[in-house]
Amino acid sequence: WQPYVDSMHHFLAAYDDKVQEEKNIECVSGQYFIQGGNESEEKK
């Protein structure tokens, strides 16, 4: 079962709380996050 565990940790590395706090924002739960502006603008 260790290979499954290792795979899970590898996949979830991008979801680490610190990584998410550094790169992404807190959003309002329960509603779509619709972002306007030019389609070439980087989205949050």
All heavy atoms as atom14 arrays in JSON, in Angstrom:
{
  "sequence": "WQPYVDSMHHFLAAYDDKVQEEKNIECVSGQYFIQGGNESEEKK",
  "atom14_mask": [
    [1, 1, 1, 1, 1, 1, 1, 1, 1, 1, 1, 1, 1, 1],
    [1, 1, 1, 1, 1, 1, 1, 1, 1, 0, 0, 0, 0, 0],
    [1, 1, 1, 1, 1, 1, 1, 0, 0, 0, 0, 0, 0, 0],
    [1, 1, 1, 1, 1, 1, 1, 1, 1, 1, 1, 1, 0, 0],
    [1, 1, 1, 1, 1, 1, 1, 0, 0, 0, 0, 0, 0, 0],
    [1, 1, 1, 1, 1, 1, 1, 1, 0, 0, 0, 0, 0, 0],
    [1, 1, 1, 1, 1, 1, 0, 0, 0, 0, 0, 0, 0, 0],
    [1, 1, 1, 1, 1, 1, 1, 1, 0, 0, 0, 0, 0, 0],
    [1, 1, 1, 1, 1, 1, 1, 1, 1, 1, 0, 0, 0, 0],
    [1, 1, 1, 1, 1, 1, 1, 1, 1, 1, 0, 0, 0, 0],
    [1, 1, 1, 1, 1, 1, 1, 1, 1, 1, 1, 0, 0, 0],
    [1, 1, 1, 1, 1, 1, 1, 1, 0, 0, 0, 0, 0, 0],
    [1, 1, 1, 1, 1, 0, 0, 0, 0, 0, 0, 0, 0, 0],
    [1, 1, 1, 1, 1, 0, 0, 0, 0, 0, 0, 0, 0, 0],
    [1, 1, 1, 1, 1, 1, 1, 1, 1, 1, 1, 1, 0, 0],
    [1, 1, 1, 1, 1, 1, 1, 1, 0, 0, 0, 0, 0, 0],
    [1, 1, 1, 1, 1, 1, 1, 1, 0, 0, 0, 0, 0, 0],
    [1, 1, 1, 1, 1, 1, 1, 1, 1, 0, 0, 0, 0, 0],
    [1, 1, 1, 1, 1, 1, 1, 0, 0, 0, 0, 0, 0, 0],
    [1, 1, 1, 1, 1, 1, 1, 1, 1, 0, 0, 0, 0, 0],
    [1, 1, 1, 1, 1, 1, 1, 1, 1, 0, 0, 0, 0, 0],
    [1, 1, 1, 1, 1, 1, 1, 1, 1, 0, 0, 0, 0, 0],
    [1, 1, 1, 1, 1, 1, 1, 1, 1, 0, 0, 0, 0, 0],
    [1, 1, 1, 1, 1, 1, 1, 1, 0, 0, 0, 0, 0, 0],
    [1, 1, 1, 1, 1, 1, 1, 1, 0, 0, 0, 0, 0, 0],
    [1, 1, 1, 1, 1, 1, 1, 1, 1, 0, 0, 0, 0, 0],
    [1, 1, 1, 1, 1, 1, 0, 0, 0, 0, 0, 0, 0, 0],
    [1, 1, 1, 1, 1, 1, 1, 0, 0, 0, 0, 0, 0, 0],
    [1, 1, 1, 1, 1, 1, 0, 0, 0, 0, 0, 0, 0, 0],
    [1, 1, 1, 1, 0, 0, 0, 0, 0, 0, 0, 0, 0, 0],
    [1, 1, 1, 1, 1, 1, 1, 1, 1, 0, 0, 0, 0, 0],
    [1, 1, 1, 1, 1, 1, 1, 1, 1, 1, 1, 1, 0, 0],
    [1, 1, 1, 1, 1, 1, 1, 1, 1, 1, 1, 0, 0, 0],
    [1, 1, 1, 1, 1, 1, 1, 1, 0, 0, 0, 0, 0, 0],
    [1, 1, 1, 1, 1, 1, 1, 1, 1, 0, 0, 0, 0, 0],
    [1, 1, 1, 1, 0, 0, 0, 0, 0, 0, 0, 0, 0, 0],
    [1, 1, 1, 1, 0, 0, 0, 0, 0, 0, 0, 0, 0, 0],
    [1, 1, 1, 1, 1, 1, 1, 1, 0, 0, 0, 0, 0, 0],
    [1, 1, 1, 1, 1, 1, 1, 1, 1, 0, 0, 0, 0, 0],
    [1, 1, 1, 1, 1, 1, 0, 0, 0, 0, 0, 0, 0, 0],
    [1, 1, 1, 1, 1, 1, 1, 1, 1, 0, 0, 0, 0, 0],
    [1, 1, 1, 1, 1, 1, 1, 1, 1, 0, 0, 0, 0, 0],
    [1, 1, 1, 1, 1, 1, 1, 1, 1, 0, 0, 0, 0, 0],
    [1, 1, 1, 1, 1, 1, 1, 1, 1, 0, 0, 0, 0, 0]
  ],
  "atom14_positions": [
    [[0.79, -1.23, 0.0], [0.0, 0.0, 0.0], [0.82, 1.28, 0.0], [0.31, 2.36, -0.27], [-1.0, 0.04, 1.16], [-0.52, -0.31, 2.53], [-0.69, -1.47, 3.2], [0.21, 0.55, 3.45], [-0.13, -1.42, 4.47], [0.42, -0.18, 4.64], [0.68, 1.86, 3.37], [1.09, 0.35, 5.74], [1.36, 2.4, 4.46], [1.56, 1.64, 5.63]],
    [[2.12, 1.18, 0.27], [2.96, 2.38, 0.3], [2.98, 3.14, -1.03], [2.97, 4.39, -1.03], [4.38, 2.02, 0.72], [5.25, 3.24, 1.04], [4.73, 4.05, 2.21], [4.42, 3.47, 3.26], [4.61, 5.36, 2.06], [0.0, 0.0, 0.0], [0.0, 0.0, 0.0], [0.0, 0.0, 0.0], [0.0, 0.0, 0.0], [0.0, 0.0, 0.0]],
    [[3.01, 2.47, -2.18], [2.96, 3.22, -3.45], [1.72, 4.1, -3.59], [1.81, 5.2, -4.13], [2.99, 2.12, -4.52], [3.7, 0.99, -3.85], [3.24, 1.03, -2.43], [0.0, 0.0, 0.0], [0.0, 0.0, 0.0], [0.0, 0.0, 0.0], [0.0, 0.0, 0.0], [0.0, 0.0, 0.0], [0.0, 0.0, 0.0], [0.0, 0.0, 0.0]],
    [[0.59, 3.63, -3.09], [-0.63, 4.44, -3.14], [-0.47, 5.68, -2.24], [-0.87, 6.79, -2.62], [-1.84, 3.63, -2.68], [-2.16, 2.45, -3.56], [-2.06, 1.15, -3.08], [-2.58, 2.63, -4.88], [-2.36, 0.06, -3.88], [-2.89, 1.54, -5.69], [-2.77, 0.26, -5.18], [-3.07, -0.82, -5.98], [0.0, 0.0, 0.0], [0.0, 0.0, 0.0]],
    [[0.1, 5.47, -1.08], [0.3, 6.57, -0.13], [1.26, 7.61, -0.72], [1.0, 8.82, -0.67], [0.85, 6.03, 1.21], [1.27, 7.18, 2.12], [-0.21, 5.17, 1.9], [0.0, 0.0, 0.0], [0.0, 0.0, 0.0], [0.0, 0.0, 0.0], [0.0, 0.0, 0.0], [0.0, 0.0, 0.0], [0.0, 0.0, 0.0], [0.0, 0.0, 0.0]],
    [[2.36, 7.15, -1.3], [3.32, 8.06, -1.91], [2.68, 8.86, -3.04], [2.93, 10.07, -3.19], [4.53, 7.28, -2.44], [5.35, 6.65, -1.33], [5.22, 7.09, -0.16], [6.13, 5.72, -1.63], [0.0, 0.0, 0.0], [0.0, 0.0, 0.0], [0.0, 0.0, 0.0], [0.0, 0.0, 0.0], [0.0, 0.0, 0.0], [0.0, 0.0, 0.0]],
    [[1.86, 8.2, -3.83], [1.17, 8.87, -4.94], [0.24, 9.96, -4.43], [0.16, 11.05, -5.0], [0.38, 7.84, -5.76], [-0.37, 8.47, -6.77], [0.0, 0.0, 0.0], [0.0, 0.0, 0.0], [0.0, 0.0, 0.0], [0.0, 0.0, 0.0], [0.0, 0.0, 0.0], [0.0, 0.0, 0.0], [0.0, 0.0, 0.0], [0.0, 0.0, 0.0]],
    [[-0.45, 9.67, -3.34], [-1.38, 10.65, -2.75], [-0.62, 11.88, -2.24], [-1.03, 13.02, -2.49], [-2.16, 10.0, -1.62], [-3.13, 8.93, -2.06], [-4.68, 9.6, -2.69], [-5.56, 9.85, -1.15], [0.0, 0.0, 0.0], [0.0, 0.0, 0.0], [0.0, 0.0, 0.0], [0.0, 0.0, 0.0], [0.0, 0.0, 0.0], [0.0, 0.0, 0.0]],
    [[0.48, 11.67, -1.54], [1.26, 12.8, -1.03], [1.81, 13.64, -2.18], [1.82, 14.88, -2.11], [2.41, 12.29, -0.15], [2.0, 11.96, 1.25], [1.54, 12.93, 2.13], [1.97, 10.77, 1.92], [1.25, 12.35, 3.3], [1.5, 11.05, 3.19], [0.0, 0.0, 0.0], [0.0, 0.0, 0.0], [0.0, 0.0, 0.0], [0.0, 0.0, 0.0]],
    [[2.27, 12.99, -3.22], [2.81, 13.71, -4.38], [1.72, 14.55, -5.04], [1.93, 15.73, -5.37], [3.4, 12.72, -5.38], [3.93, 13.37, -6.64], [5.11, 14.07, -6.66], [3.41, 13.43, -7.9], [5.31, 14.54, -7.87], [4.3, 14.17, -8.64], [0.0, 0.0, 0.0], [0.0, 0.0, 0.0], [0.0, 0.0, 0.0], [0.0, 0.0, 0.0]],
    [[0.55, 13.97, -5.21], [-0.55, 14.68, -5.86], [-1.01, 15.87, -5.02], [-1.33, 16.94, -5.55], [-1.72, 13.72, -6.1], [-2.93, 14.38, -6.69], [-2.96, 14.79, -8.01], [-4.05, 14.61, -5.9], [-4.07, 15.4, -8.55], [-5.18, 15.23, -6.43], [-5.18, 15.62, -7.76], [0.0, 0.0, 0.0], [0.0, 0.0, 0.0], [0.0, 0.0, 0.0]],
    [[-1.05, 15.71, -3.7], [-1.59, 16.75, -2.83], [-0.57, 17.83, -2.45], [-0.92, 18.78, -1.75], [-2.15, 16.12, -1.55], [-3.48, 15.37, -1.71], [-3.85, 14.66, -0.41], [-4.59, 16.32, -2.13], [0.0, 0.0, 0.0], [0.0, 0.0, 0.0], [0.0, 0.0, 0.0], [0.0, 0.0, 0.0], [0.0, 0.0, 0.0], [0.0, 0.0, 0.0]],
    [[0.67, 17.69, -2.93], [1.69, 18.69, -2.59], [1.25, 20.08, -3.02], [1.49, 21.07, -2.31], [3.02, 18.32, -3.25], [0.0, 0.0, 0.0], [0.0, 0.0, 0.0], [0.0, 0.0, 0.0], [0.0, 0.0, 0.0], [0.0, 0.0, 0.0], [0.0, 0.0, 0.0], [0.0, 0.0, 0.0], [0.0, 0.0, 0.0], [0.0, 0.0, 0.0]],
    [[0.6, 20.19, -4.16], [0.14, 21.5, -4.66], [-1.01, 22.05, -3.82], [-1.34, 23.24, -3.92], [-0.3, 21.39, -6.12], [0.0, 0.0, 0.0], [0.0, 0.0, 0.0], [0.0, 0.0, 0.0], [0.0, 0.0, 0.0], [0.0, 0.0, 0.0], [0.0, 0.0, 0.0], [0.0, 0.0, 0.0], [0.0, 0.0, 0.0], [0.0, 0.0, 0.0]],
    [[-1.62, 21.2, -2.98], [-2.74, 21.6, -2.15], [-2.32, 21.92, -0.71], [-3.19, 22.2, 0.12], [-3.81, 20.51, -2.14], [-4.51, 20.31, -3.47], [-3.97, 19.48, -4.44], [-5.71, 20.95, -3.74], [-4.61, 19.29, -5.65], [-6.37, 20.76, -4.95], [-5.81, 19.93, -5.9], [-6.45, 19.74, -7.1], [0.0, 0.0, 0.0], [0.0, 0.0, 0.0]],
    [[-1.03, 21.83, -0.42], [-0.57, 22.15, 0.93], [-1.1, 23.52, 1.35], [-1.11, 24.45, 0.55], [0.96, 22.15, 0.99], [1.53, 20.75, 1.01], [0.77, 19.8, 1.27], [2.75, 20.61, 0.78], [0.0, 0.0, 0.0], [0.0, 0.0, 0.0], [0.0, 0.0, 0.0], [0.0, 0.0, 0.0], [0.0, 0.0, 0.0], [0.0, 0.0, 0.0]],
    [[-1.52, 23.62, 2.59], [-2.15, 24.86, 3.06], [-1.27, 26.08, 2.81], [-1.74, 27.13, 2.35], [-2.48, 24.74, 4.55], [-3.65, 23.81, 4.79], [-3.97, 22.99, 3.9], [-4.27, 23.89, 5.87], [0.0, 0.0, 0.0], [0.0, 0.0, 0.0], [0.0, 0.0, 0.0], [0.0, 0.0, 0.0], [0.0, 0.0, 0.0], [0.0, 0.0, 0.0]],
    [[0.03, 25.97, 3.11], [0.93, 27.12, 2.94], [1.06, 27.51, 1.47], [1.11, 28.69, 1.13], [2.3, 26.8, 3.53], [2.32, 26.76, 5.05], [3.73, 26.55, 5.58], [3.74, 26.57, 7.1], [5.12, 26.36, 7.64], [0.0, 0.0, 0.0], [0.0, 0.0, 0.0], [0.0, 0.0, 0.0], [0.0, 0.0, 0.0], [0.0, 0.0, 0.0]],
    [[1.1, 26.51, 0.59], [1.2, 26.78, -0.85], [-0.04, 27.51, -1.33], [0.04, 28.5, -2.08], [1.38, 25.46, -1.63], [1.32, 25.72, -3.14], [2.7, 24.8, -1.27], [0.0, 0.0, 0.0], [0.0, 0.0, 0.0], [0.0, 0.0, 0.0], [0.0, 0.0, 0.0], [0.0, 0.0, 0.0], [0.0, 0.0, 0.0], [0.0, 0.0, 0.0]],
    [[-1.2, 27.05, -0.89], [-2.46, 27.68, -1.3], [-2.57, 29.11, -0.76], [-3.04, 30.01, -1.45], [-3.64, 26.84, -0.84], [-3.82, 25.54, -1.6], [-4.22, 25.76, -3.05], [-5.15, 26.5, -3.34], [-3.5, 25.13, -3.96], [0.0, 0.0, 0.0], [0.0, 0.0, 0.0], [0.0, 0.0, 0.0], [0.0, 0.0, 0.0], [0.0, 0.0, 0.0]],
    [[-2.14, 29.31, 0.48], [-2.21, 30.65, 1.08], [-1.29, 31.63, 0.36], [-1.61, 32.82, 0.25], [-1.86, 30.58, 2.56], [-2.91, 29.88, 3.41], [-2.43, 29.58, 4.82], [-1.27, 29.9, 5.11], [-3.21, 29.02, 5.61], [0.0, 0.0, 0.0], [0.0, 0.0, 0.0], [0.0, 0.0, 0.0], [0.0, 0.0, 0.0], [0.0, 0.0, 0.0]],
    [[-0.16, 31.15, -0.13], [0.79, 32.01, -0.82], [0.33, 32.36, -2.24], [0.53, 33.49, -2.71], [2.16, 31.33, -0.88], [2.86, 31.23, 0.46], [4.14, 30.43, 0.38], [4.47, 29.94, -0.74], [4.82, 30.27, 1.41], [0.0, 0.0, 0.0], [0.0, 0.0, 0.0], [0.0, 0.0, 0.0], [0.0, 0.0, 0.0], [0.0, 0.0, 0.0]],
    [[-0.28, 31.4, -2.92], [-0.58, 31.59, -4.34], [-2.01, 32.02, -4.63], [-2.25, 32.73, -5.61], [-0.29, 30.29, -5.11], [1.18, 29.91, -5.17], [1.38, 28.69, -6.05], [2.86, 28.37, -6.24], [3.07, 27.2, -7.12], [0.0, 0.0, 0.0], [0.0, 0.0, 0.0], [0.0, 0.0, 0.0], [0.0, 0.0, 0.0], [0.0, 0.0, 0.0]],
    [[-2.94, 31.6, -3.79], [-4.35, 31.82, -4.11], [-5.07, 32.62, -3.02], [-4.52, 32.9, -1.97], [-5.04, 30.47, -4.33], [-4.47, 29.73, -5.53], [-3.98, 30.36, -6.47], [-4.5, 28.41, -5.51], [0.0, 0.0, 0.0], [0.0, 0.0, 0.0], [0.0, 0.0, 0.0], [0.0, 0.0, 0.0], [0.0, 0.0, 0.0], [0.0, 0.0, 0.0]],
    [[-6.31, 32.98, -3.31], [-7.07, 33.87, -2.43], [-8.23, 33.13, -1.78], [-8.68, 32.08, -2.26], [-7.6, 35.09, -3.2], [-8.62, 34.65, -4.27], [-6.45, 35.86, -3.85], [-9.35, 35.8, -4.92], [0.0, 0.0, 0.0], [0.0, 0.0, 0.0], [0.0, 0.0, 0.0], [0.0, 0.0, 0.0], [0.0, 0.0, 0.0], [0.0, 0.0, 0.0]],
    [[-8.73, 33.68, -0.69], [-9.94, 33.16, -0.07], [-11.15, 33.69, -0.83], [-11.23, 34.88, -1.13], [-10.01, 33.58, 1.39], [-8.95, 32.95, 2.27], [-9.16, 33.26, 3.74], [-10.28, 33.71, 4.09], [-8.23, 33.08, 4.53], [0.0, 0.0, 0.0], [0.0, 0.0, 0.0], [0.0, 0.0, 0.0], [0.0, 0.0, 0.0], [0.0, 0.0, 0.0]],
    [[-12.08, 32.81, -1.13], [-13.25, 33.2, -1.93], [-14.52, 33.01, -1.11], [-14.51, 32.41, -0.04], [-13.31, 32.36, -3.21], [-11.91, 32.62, -4.32], [0.0, 0.0, 0.0], [0.0, 0.0, 0.0], [0.0, 0.0, 0.0], [0.0, 0.0, 0.0], [0.0, 0.0, 0.0], [0.0, 0.0, 0.0], [0.0, 0.0, 0.0], [0.0, 0.0, 0.0]],
    [[-15.6, 33.53, -1.65], [-16.91, 33.42, -1.0], [-17.54, 32.09, -1.39], [-17.79, 31.82, -2.57], [-17.83, 34.58, -1.41], [-19.2, 34.43, -0.75], [-17.2, 35.91, -1.04], [0.0, 0.0, 0.0], [0.0, 0.0, 0.0], [0.0, 0.0, 0.0], [0.0, 0.0, 0.0], [0.0, 0.0, 0.0], [0.0, 0.0, 0.0], [0.0, 0.0, 0.0]],
    [[-17.78, 31.24, -0.4], [-18.35, 29.93, -0.65], [-19.79, 30.03, -1.14], [-20.53, 30.95, -0.76], [-18.29, 29.09, 0.63], [-18.86, 27.82, 0.43], [0.0, 0.0, 0.0], [0.0, 0.0, 0.0], [0.0, 0.0, 0.0], [0.0, 0.0, 0.0], [0.0, 0.0, 0.0], [0.0, 0.0, 0.0], [0.0, 0.0, 0.0], [0.0, 0.0, 0.0]],
    [[-20.19, 29.09, -1.99], [-21.58, 28.99, -2.4], [-21.97, 29.82, -3.61], [-23.15, 29.84, -3.97], [0.0, 0.0, 0.0], [0.0, 0.0, 0.0], [0.0, 0.0, 0.0], [0.0, 0.0, 0.0], [0.0, 0.0, 0.0], [0.0, 0.0, 0.0], [0.0, 0.0, 0.0], [0.0, 0.0, 0.0], [0.0, 0.0, 0.0], [0.0, 0.0, 0.0]],
    [[-21.01, 30.47, -4.25], [-21.34, 31.23, -5.45], [-20.17, 31.19, -6.44], [-19.02, 31.05, -6.06], [-21.67, 32.69, -5.11], [-20.51, 33.48, -4.51], [-20.91, 34.89, -4.09], [-21.95, 35.08, -3.45], [-20.1, 35.86, -4.45], [0.0, 0.0, 0.0], [0.0, 0.0, 0.0], [0.0, 0.0, 0.0], [0.0, 0.0, 0.0], [0.0, 0.0, 0.0]],
    [[-20.52, 31.25, -7.71], [-19.49, 31.21, -8.74], [-18.55, 32.42, -8.61], [-18.97, 33.51, -8.24], [-20.11, 31.23, -10.14], [-20.98, 30.03, -10.46], [-22.33, 30.18, -10.78], [-20.45, 28.75, -10.48], [-23.12, 29.09, -11.09], [-21.24, 27.64, -10.79], [-22.57, 27.83, -11.1], [-23.35, 26.74, -11.4], [0.0, 0.0, 0.0], [0.0, 0.0, 0.0]],
    [[-17.28, 32.19, -8.92], [-16.29, 33.26, -8.89], [-16.06, 33.73, -10.33], [-15.16, 33.25, -11.02], [-14.99, 32.75, -8.26], [-13.92, 33.8, -8.1], [-14.25, 35.14, -7.94], [-12.59, 33.45, -8.09], [-13.28, 36.1, -7.78], [-11.59, 34.41, -7.94], [-11.94, 35.74, -7.79], [0.0, 0.0, 0.0], [0.0, 0.0, 0.0], [0.0, 0.0, 0.0]],
    [[-16.89, 34.65, -10.74], [-16.85, 35.15, -12.11], [-15.94, 36.37, -12.18], [-16.11, 37.33, -11.42], [-18.27, 35.5, -12.61], [-19.14, 34.24, -12.58], [-18.21, 36.08, -14.03], [-20.6, 34.48, -12.88], [0.0, 0.0, 0.0], [0.0, 0.0, 0.0], [0.0, 0.0, 0.0], [0.0, 0.0, 0.0], [0.0, 0.0, 0.0], [0.0, 0.0, 0.0]],
    [[-14.96, 36.33, -13.08], [-13.97, 37.39, -13.2], [-14.07, 38.04, -14.58], [-13.99, 37.37, -15.6], [-12.56, 36.82, -12.98], [-12.43, 36.12, -11.63], [-11.05, 35.53, -11.43], [-10.05, 36.24, -11.39], [-10.99, 34.22, -11.26], [0.0, 0.0, 0.0], [0.0, 0.0, 0.0], [0.0, 0.0, 0.0], [0.0, 0.0, 0.0], [0.0, 0.0, 0.0]],
    [[-14.24, 39.35, -14.56], [-14.36, 40.08, -15.8], [-13.0, 40.52, -16.32], [-11.97, 39.94, -16.01], [0.0, 0.0, 0.0], [0.0, 0.0, 0.0], [0.0, 0.0, 0.0], [0.0, 0.0, 0.0], [0.0, 0.0, 0.0], [0.0, 0.0, 0.0], [0.0, 0.0, 0.0], [0.0, 0.0, 0.0], [0.0, 0.0, 0.0], [0.0, 0.0, 0.0]],
    [[-13.01, 41.6, -17.09], [-11.77, 42.13, -17.64], [-11.39, 41.47, -18.95], [-12.1, 40.61, -19.48], [0.0, 0.0, 0.0], [0.0, 0.0, 0.0], [0.0, 0.0, 0.0], [0.0, 0.0, 0.0], [0.0, 0.0, 0.0], [0.0, 0.0, 0.0], [0.0, 0.0, 0.0], [0.0, 0.0, 0.0], [0.0, 0.0, 0.0], [0.0, 0.0, 0.0]],
    [[-10.25, 41.85, -19.48], [-9.75, 41.3, -20.72], [-9.43, 39.82, -20.55], [-8.92, 39.4, -19.52], [-8.5, 42.07, -21.15], [-8.08, 41.75, -22.57], [-7.67, 40.63, -22.86], [-8.19, 42.72, -23.45], [0.0, 0.0, 0.0], [0.0, 0.0, 0.0], [0.0, 0.0, 0.0], [0.0, 0.0, 0.0], [0.0, 0.0, 0.0], [0.0, 0.0, 0.0]],
    [[-9.73, 39.03, -21.58], [-9.52, 37.59, -21.46], [-8.05, 37.22, -21.31], [-7.72, 36.12, -20.88], [-10.12, 36.85, -22.66], [-9.44, 37.14, -23.98], [-10.01, 36.29, -25.12], [-10.9, 35.46, -24.84], [-9.58, 36.47, -26.27], [0.0, 0.0, 0.0], [0.0, 0.0, 0.0], [0.0, 0.0, 0.0], [0.0, 0.0, 0.0], [0.0, 0.0, 0.0]],
    [[-7.15, 38.14, -21.63], [-5.72, 37.86, -21.5], [-5.18, 38.16, -20.11], [-4.04, 37.84, -19.8], [-4.94, 38.67, -22.54], [-5.06, 40.06, -22.29], [0.0, 0.0, 0.0], [0.0, 0.0, 0.0], [0.0, 0.0, 0.0], [0.0, 0.0, 0.0], [0.0, 0.0, 0.0], [0.0, 0.0, 0.0], [0.0, 0.0, 0.0], [0.0, 0.0, 0.0]],
    [[-6.01, 38.8, -19.26], [-5.56, 39.12, -17.91], [-5.49, 37.87, -17.05], [-6.32, 36.98, -17.14], [-6.53, 40.12, -17.26], [-6.55, 41.5, -17.91], [-7.55, 42.42, -17.24], [-8.13, 42.01, -16.21], [-7.74, 43.54, -17.74], [0.0, 0.0, 0.0], [0.0, 0.0, 0.0], [0.0, 0.0, 0.0], [0.0, 0.0, 0.0], [0.0, 0.0, 0.0]],
    [[-4.46, 37.82, -16.2], [-4.31, 36.68, -15.31], [-5.46, 36.64, -14.32], [-5.83, 37.64, -13.72], [-2.98, 36.75, -14.57], [-2.71, 35.55, -13.68], [-1.33, 35.56, -13.05], [-0.36, 35.89, -13.78], [-1.22, 35.26, -11.85], [0.0, 0.0, 0.0], [0.0, 0.0, 0.0], [0.0, 0.0, 0.0], [0.0, 0.0, 0.0], [0.0, 0.0, 0.0]],
    [[-6.04, 35.46, -14.15], [-7.19, 35.28, -13.27], [-6.73, 34.8, -11.89], [-5.74, 34.07, -11.76], [-8.17, 34.27, -13.86], [-8.6, 34.57, -15.29], [-9.27, 35.93, -15.42], [-9.71, 36.16, -16.86], [-10.28, 37.52, -17.05], [0.0, 0.0, 0.0], [0.0, 0.0, 0.0], [0.0, 0.0, 0.0], [0.0, 0.0, 0.0], [0.0, 0.0, 0.0]],
    [[-7.45, 35.2, -10.88], [-7.17, 34.74, -9.52], [-7.8, 33.36, -9.31], [-8.79, 33.01, -9.94], [-7.71, 35.73, -8.5], [-7.07, 37.11, -8.6], [-7.68, 38.08, -7.6], [-7.04, 39.46, -7.71], [-7.65, 40.43, -6.76], [0.0, 0.0, 0.0], [0.0, 0.0, 0.0], [0.0, 0.0, 0.0], [0.0, 0.0, 0.0], [0.0, 0.0, 0.0]]
  ]
}
